[in-house]
Amino acid sequence: MREFRALAEKHALPASHVASQLSAYTGARVLVEGLKRAGHDLSREKLITALEGSAVPEPLHRTL
């Protein structure tokens, strides 16, 4: 949550849409983690496997 708050402050995000912003931020973090776990030779199958085979990434889990 600290990372999201810092991002929101840095970019002066409006406080009226926090739920939507946090949802989008969390989804982006999960996608980035899936891409990292899928590796450099990315394919749709590898991305799906990486996303399905992993729990919420630990750093992300700590921020929520």
C-alpha atoms as a PDB file:
ATOM      1  CA  MET A   1       0.000   0.000   0.000  1.00  0.00           C
ATOM      2  CA  ARG A   2       2.940   2.318   0.667  1.00  0.00           C
ATOM      3  CA  GLU A   3       4.150   1.943  -2.902  1.00  0.00           C
ATOM      4  CA  PHE A   4       0.709   2.788  -4.262  1.00  0.00           C
ATOM      5  CA  ARG A   5       0.387   5.824  -2.012  1.00  0.00           C
ATOM      6  CA  ALA A   6       3.818   7.069  -3.092  1.00  0.00           C
ATOM      7  CA  LEU A   7       2.864   6.597  -6.744  1.00  0.00           C
ATOM      8  CA  ALA A   8      -0.461   8.375  -6.244  1.00  0.00           C
ATOM      9  CA  GLU A   9       1.245  11.278  -4.511  1.00  0.00           C
ATOM     10  CA  LYS A  10       4.022  11.548  -7.099  1.00  0.00           C
ATOM     11  CA  HIS A  11       1.549  11.711  -9.982  1.00  0.00           C
ATOM     12  CA  ALA A  12      -1.122  13.691  -8.122  1.00  0.00           C
ATOM     13  CA  LEU A  13      -3.812  11.070  -8.683  1.00  0.00           C
ATOM     14  CA  PRO A  14      -7.291  12.233  -7.633  1.00  0.00           C
ATOM     15  CA  ALA A  15      -8.514  10.790  -4.345  1.00  0.00           C
ATOM     16  CA  SER A  16     -12.012  10.265  -5.724  1.00  0.00           C
ATOM     17  CA  HIS A  17     -11.081   7.072  -7.607  1.00  0.00           C
ATOM     18  CA  VAL A  18      -8.823   5.270  -5.154  1.00  0.00           C
ATOM     19  CA  ALA A  19     -10.586   1.901  -5.409  1.00  0.00           C
ATOM     20  CA  SER A  20     -10.251   1.810  -9.198  1.00  0.00           C
ATOM     21  CA  GLN A  21      -6.665   3.040  -9.068  1.00  0.00           C
ATOM     22  CA  LEU A  22      -5.668   0.447  -6.487  1.00  0.00           C
ATOM     23  CA  SER A  23      -7.351  -2.303  -8.496  1.00  0.00           C
ATOM     24  CA  ALA A  24      -5.494  -1.283 -11.661  1.00  0.00           C
ATOM     25  CA  TYR A  25      -2.200  -0.974  -9.767  1.00  0.00           C
ATOM     26  CA  THR A  26      -2.593  -4.429  -8.238  1.00  0.00           C
ATOM     27  CA  GLY A  27      -3.475  -5.984 -11.594  1.00  0.00           C
ATOM     28  CA  ALA A  28      -0.436  -4.382 -13.193  1.00  0.00           C
ATOM     29  CA  ARG A  29       1.833  -5.667 -10.422  1.00  0.00           C
ATOM     30  CA  VAL A  30       0.495  -9.214 -10.845  1.00  0.00           C
ATOM     31  CA  LEU A  31       0.988  -9.033 -14.633  1.00  0.00           C
ATOM     32  CA  VAL A  32       4.560  -7.758 -14.253  1.00  0.00           C
ATOM     33  CA  GLU A  33       5.346 -10.573 -11.818  1.00  0.00           C
ATOM     34  CA  GLY A  34       3.864 -13.122 -14.235  1.00  0.00           C
ATOM     35  CA  LEU A  35       5.967 -11.724 -17.074  1.00  0.00           C
ATOM     36  CA  LYS A  36       9.101 -11.972 -14.934  1.00  0.00           C
ATOM     37  CA  ARG A  37       8.332 -15.566 -13.990  1.00  0.00           C
ATOM     38  CA  ALA A  38       7.543 -16.536 -17.590  1.00  0.00           C
ATOM     39  CA  GLY A  39      11.098 -15.628 -18.620  1.00  0.00           C
ATOM     40  CA  HIS A  40      12.718 -13.991 -21.615  1.00  0.00           C
ATOM     41  CA  ASP A  41      11.396 -16.475 -24.186  1.00  0.00           C
ATOM     42  CA  LEU A  42       7.822 -15.362 -23.577  1.00  0.00           C
ATOM     43  CA  SER A  43       4.841 -17.192 -24.975  1.00  0.00           C
ATOM     44  CA  ARG A  44       1.167 -17.100 -24.134  1.00  0.00           C
ATOM     45  CA  GLU A  45       1.403 -20.567 -22.582  1.00  0.00           C
ATOM     46  CA  LYS A  46       4.372 -19.620 -20.408  1.00  0.00           C
ATOM     47  CA  LEU A  47       2.618 -16.490 -19.179  1.00  0.00           C
ATOM     48  CA  ILE A  48      -0.555 -18.416 -18.333  1.00  0.00           C
ATOM     49  CA  THR A  49       1.464 -21.095 -16.537  1.00  0.00           C
ATOM     50  CA  ALA A  50       3.392 -18.448 -14.586  1.00  0.00           C
ATOM     51  CA  LEU A  51       0.203 -16.637 -13.566  1.00  0.00           C
ATOM     52  CA  GLU A  52      -1.735 -19.794 -12.669  1.00  0.00           C
ATOM     53  CA  GLY A  53       1.142 -21.425 -10.843  1.00  0.00           C
ATOM     54  CA  SER A  54       1.936 -18.600  -8.490  1.00  0.00           C
ATOM     55  CA  ALA A  55       0.287 -17.159  -5.473  1.00  0.00           C
ATOM     56  CA  VAL A  56       0.245 -13.424  -4.897  1.00  0.00           C
ATOM     57  CA  PRO A  57       3.876 -12.315  -5.118  1.00  0.00           C
ATOM     58  CA  GLU A  58       5.363 -11.816  -1.666  1.00  0.00           C
ATOM     59  CA  PRO A  59       6.339  -8.144  -2.106  1.00  0.00           C
ATOM     60  CA  LEU A  60       2.843  -7.392  -3.391  1.00  0.00           C
ATOM     61  CA  HIS A  61       1.239  -9.369  -0.563  1.00  0.00           C
ATOM     62  CA  ARG A  62       3.094  -7.267   1.997  1.00  0.00           C
ATOM     63  CA  THR A  63       1.945  -3.996   0.413  1.00  0.00           C
ATOM     64  CA  LEU A  64      -1.780  -4.767   0.518  1.00  0.00           C
END
